[in-house]
């Protein structure tokens, strides 16, 4: 599933960041920020009326991402035990 589709508050783990094209600077920047395989992530807040931006927490750091940027991150949702 895409990070942009993850419900607010649901825990997930980053699987990968998809490149829109070769040498995609946005995808590389997301990787540089820590969106790498195995990192826990969750959506903390969603913009008004379900729009931009999304407040994303990865580790102890929070980022505001556009929905289009979050859609590049593929995650595996975690099932509550």
N, C-alpha and C. Protein backbone atom coordinates (compact mmCIF):
# COMPACT_ATOMS: atom_id res chain seq x y z
N UNK A 1 0.85 -1.17 0.00
CA UNK A 1 0.00 0.00 0.00
C UNK A 1 0.89 1.24 0.00
N UNK A 2 0.35 2.33 -0.47
CA UNK A 2 1.08 3.60 -0.51
C UNK A 2 0.94 4.34 0.81
N UNK A 3 1.98 5.04 1.21
CA UNK A 3 1.94 5.82 2.44
C UNK A 3 0.79 6.83 2.39
N UNK A 4 0.50 7.36 1.23
CA UNK A 4 -0.59 8.34 1.09
C UNK A 4 -1.96 7.72 1.36
N UNK A 5 -2.07 6.37 1.31
CA UNK A 5 -3.33 5.67 1.55
C UNK A 5 -3.43 5.10 2.97
N UNK A 6 -2.36 5.20 3.74
CA UNK A 6 -2.34 4.64 5.09
C UNK A 6 -3.27 5.45 5.99
N UNK A 7 -4.16 4.77 6.72
CA UNK A 7 -5.06 5.51 7.62
C UNK A 7 -4.28 6.21 8.73
N UNK A 8 -4.80 7.33 9.16
CA UNK A 8 -4.17 8.11 10.24
C UNK A 8 -3.98 7.23 11.48
N UNK A 9 -2.76 7.25 12.02
CA UNK A 9 -2.45 6.52 13.24
C UNK A 9 -2.06 5.07 13.07
N UNK A 10 -2.25 4.50 11.88
CA UNK A 10 -1.92 3.10 11.66
C UNK A 10 -0.42 2.91 11.50
N UNK A 11 0.16 1.96 12.23
CA UNK A 11 1.60 1.72 12.09
C UNK A 11 1.89 0.96 10.80
N UNK A 12 3.06 1.23 10.23
CA UNK A 12 3.49 0.56 9.01
C UNK A 12 5.01 0.54 8.99
N UNK A 13 5.54 -0.20 8.03
CA UNK A 13 6.99 -0.28 7.83
C UNK A 13 7.26 0.04 6.37
N UNK A 14 8.28 0.86 6.11
CA UNK A 14 8.63 1.23 4.75
C UNK A 14 9.15 -0.01 4.00
N UNK A 15 8.63 -0.22 2.81
CA UNK A 15 9.10 -1.29 1.93
C UNK A 15 10.10 -0.74 0.92
N UNK A 16 9.71 0.38 0.26
CA UNK A 16 10.60 0.98 -0.74
C UNK A 16 10.06 2.36 -1.12
N UNK A 17 10.91 3.12 -1.82
CA UNK A 17 10.50 4.39 -2.42
C UNK A 17 10.59 4.20 -3.92
N UNK A 18 9.50 4.45 -4.63
CA UNK A 18 9.46 4.30 -6.09
C UNK A 18 9.95 5.57 -6.77
N UNK A 19 10.79 5.41 -7.77
CA UNK A 19 11.26 6.53 -8.58
C UNK A 19 10.26 6.78 -9.70
N UNK A 20 9.90 8.06 -9.91
CA UNK A 20 9.00 8.42 -11.01
C UNK A 20 9.72 8.31 -12.35
N UNK A 21 11.04 8.52 -12.33
CA UNK A 21 11.88 8.44 -13.54
C UNK A 21 13.32 8.28 -13.09
N UNK A 22 14.21 8.03 -14.00
CA UNK A 22 15.63 7.87 -13.66
C UNK A 22 16.15 9.14 -12.99
N UNK A 23 16.98 8.96 -11.98
CA UNK A 23 17.56 10.08 -11.23
C UNK A 23 16.50 11.01 -10.65
N UNK A 24 15.45 10.43 -10.09
CA UNK A 24 14.34 11.18 -9.51
C UNK A 24 14.81 11.87 -8.22
N UNK A 25 14.91 13.21 -8.21
CA UNK A 25 15.43 13.91 -7.02
C UNK A 25 14.50 13.83 -5.81
N UNK A 26 13.20 13.76 -6.02
CA UNK A 26 12.28 13.70 -4.90
C UNK A 26 12.39 12.34 -4.22
N UNK A 27 12.43 11.26 -4.99
CA UNK A 27 12.59 9.92 -4.42
C UNK A 27 13.91 9.82 -3.67
N UNK A 28 14.97 10.38 -4.21
CA UNK A 28 16.26 10.34 -3.54
C UNK A 28 16.22 11.14 -2.24
N UNK A 29 15.56 12.26 -2.26
CA UNK A 29 15.45 13.09 -1.05
C UNK A 29 14.67 12.35 0.04
N UNK A 30 13.61 11.63 -0.34
CA UNK A 30 12.86 10.84 0.63
C UNK A 30 13.75 9.77 1.26
N UNK A 31 14.57 9.12 0.45
CA UNK A 31 15.51 8.12 0.99
C UNK A 31 16.51 8.79 1.94
N UNK A 32 17.00 9.96 1.55
CA UNK A 32 17.96 10.68 2.39
C UNK A 32 17.35 11.08 3.74
N UNK A 33 16.05 11.34 3.75
CA UNK A 33 15.35 11.71 4.98
C UNK A 33 15.09 10.51 5.89
N UNK A 34 15.30 9.30 5.38
CA UNK A 34 15.12 8.11 6.22
C UNK A 34 14.03 7.17 5.79
N UNK A 35 13.38 7.44 4.66
CA UNK A 35 12.35 6.54 4.16
C UNK A 35 13.04 5.38 3.43
N UNK A 36 13.55 4.44 4.23
CA UNK A 36 14.28 3.29 3.71
C UNK A 36 13.64 2.01 4.23
N UNK A 37 13.90 0.93 3.56
CA UNK A 37 13.32 -0.37 3.89
C UNK A 37 13.50 -0.71 5.37
N UNK A 38 12.38 -1.10 6.00
CA UNK A 38 12.41 -1.54 7.38
C UNK A 38 12.13 -0.48 8.42
N UNK A 39 12.07 0.78 8.03
CA UNK A 39 11.84 1.87 9.00
C UNK A 39 10.35 1.95 9.35
N UNK A 40 10.03 2.03 10.66
CA UNK A 40 8.63 2.21 11.06
C UNK A 40 8.15 3.62 10.72
N UNK A 41 6.90 3.71 10.30
CA UNK A 41 6.34 4.98 9.85
C UNK A 41 4.84 5.01 10.19
N UNK A 42 4.32 6.22 10.39
CA UNK A 42 2.86 6.35 10.56
C UNK A 42 2.42 7.75 10.15
N UNK A 43 1.16 7.85 9.78
CA UNK A 43 0.55 9.14 9.44
C UNK A 43 0.01 9.72 10.75
N UNK A 44 0.53 10.88 11.14
CA UNK A 44 0.13 11.53 12.39
C UNK A 44 -1.10 12.40 12.18
N UNK A 45 -1.14 13.13 11.07
CA UNK A 45 -2.26 14.04 10.80
C UNK A 45 -2.42 14.20 9.30
N UNK A 46 -3.63 14.57 8.91
CA UNK A 46 -3.96 14.77 7.50
C UNK A 46 -4.51 16.18 7.35
N UNK A 47 -4.14 16.85 6.27
CA UNK A 47 -4.60 18.21 6.02
C UNK A 47 -6.12 18.30 5.98
N UNK A 48 -6.64 19.52 5.97
CA UNK A 48 -8.09 19.73 5.98
C UNK A 48 -8.78 19.05 4.81
N UNK A 49 -9.90 18.45 5.12
CA UNK A 49 -10.72 17.75 4.12
C UNK A 49 -9.96 16.65 3.39
N UNK A 50 -9.02 16.00 4.10
CA UNK A 50 -8.28 14.89 3.51
C UNK A 50 -7.28 15.29 2.46
N UNK A 51 -6.86 16.53 2.48
CA UNK A 51 -5.96 17.04 1.44
C UNK A 51 -4.52 17.13 1.96
N UNK A 52 -3.70 17.92 1.28
CA UNK A 52 -2.31 18.13 1.66
C UNK A 52 -2.25 19.11 2.83
N UNK A 53 -1.20 19.05 3.60
CA UNK A 53 -0.14 18.05 3.62
C UNK A 53 -0.49 16.89 4.56
N UNK A 54 0.35 15.86 4.53
CA UNK A 54 0.26 14.76 5.48
C UNK A 54 1.41 14.94 6.46
N UNK A 55 1.14 14.78 7.75
CA UNK A 55 2.20 14.83 8.74
C UNK A 55 2.62 13.38 9.00
N UNK A 56 3.85 13.06 8.65
CA UNK A 56 4.37 11.70 8.71
C UNK A 56 5.43 11.62 9.79
N UNK A 57 5.38 10.57 10.60
CA UNK A 57 6.43 10.34 11.59
C UNK A 57 7.21 9.10 11.18
N UNK A 58 8.53 9.26 11.10
CA UNK A 58 9.43 8.15 10.85
C UNK A 58 10.50 8.21 11.93
N UNK A 59 10.57 7.18 12.75
CA UNK A 59 11.43 7.25 13.93
C UNK A 59 10.88 8.30 14.87
N UNK A 60 11.72 9.21 15.34
CA UNK A 60 11.26 10.29 16.22
C UNK A 60 11.11 11.61 15.48
N UNK A 61 11.23 11.58 14.15
CA UNK A 61 11.18 12.79 13.34
C UNK A 61 9.85 12.87 12.58
N UNK A 62 9.33 14.08 12.47
CA UNK A 62 8.08 14.29 11.73
C UNK A 62 8.35 15.16 10.51
N UNK A 63 7.65 14.80 9.42
CA UNK A 63 7.78 15.53 8.16
C UNK A 63 6.39 15.84 7.62
N UNK A 64 6.25 17.01 7.01
CA UNK A 64 5.04 17.33 6.27
C UNK A 64 5.33 17.00 4.81
N UNK A 65 4.55 16.09 4.24
CA UNK A 65 4.73 15.69 2.84
C UNK A 65 3.47 15.97 2.04
N UNK A 66 3.64 16.32 0.80
CA UNK A 66 2.51 16.39 -0.11
C UNK A 66 2.00 14.97 -0.34
N UNK A 67 0.74 14.84 -0.62
CA UNK A 67 0.16 13.52 -0.89
C UNK A 67 0.89 12.85 -2.06
N UNK A 68 1.28 13.62 -3.08
CA UNK A 68 1.98 13.05 -4.25
C UNK A 68 3.36 12.51 -3.86
N UNK A 69 4.02 13.14 -2.89
CA UNK A 69 5.31 12.65 -2.41
C UNK A 69 5.12 11.38 -1.59
N UNK A 70 4.13 11.37 -0.72
CA UNK A 70 3.85 10.20 0.11
C UNK A 70 3.45 9.00 -0.74
N UNK A 71 2.85 9.26 -1.91
CA UNK A 71 2.43 8.17 -2.79
C UNK A 71 3.63 7.41 -3.38
N UNK A 72 4.80 7.99 -3.34
CA UNK A 72 6.00 7.30 -3.84
C UNK A 72 6.54 6.27 -2.85
N UNK A 73 6.10 6.36 -1.59
CA UNK A 73 6.59 5.46 -0.54
C UNK A 73 5.63 4.28 -0.41
N UNK A 74 6.15 3.07 -0.61
CA UNK A 74 5.37 1.85 -0.47
C UNK A 74 5.63 1.31 0.93
N UNK A 75 4.54 1.01 1.66
CA UNK A 75 4.65 0.53 3.04
C UNK A 75 3.89 -0.78 3.21
N UNK A 76 4.25 -1.50 4.25
CA UNK A 76 3.51 -2.69 4.68
C UNK A 76 2.84 -2.33 5.99
N UNK A 77 1.49 -2.32 5.99
CA UNK A 77 0.75 -1.99 7.20
C UNK A 77 0.96 -3.08 8.23
N UNK A 78 1.08 -2.67 9.49
CA UNK A 78 1.27 -3.61 10.59
C UNK A 78 -0.08 -3.97 11.18
N UNK A 79 -0.26 -5.24 11.47
CA UNK A 79 -1.51 -5.73 12.06
C UNK A 79 -1.38 -5.67 13.57
N UNK A 80 -2.37 -5.09 14.22
CA UNK A 80 -2.34 -5.01 15.69
C UNK A 80 -2.47 -6.41 16.28
N UNK A 81 -1.66 -6.69 17.28
CA UNK A 81 -1.66 -8.03 17.90
C UNK A 81 -2.74 -8.15 18.93
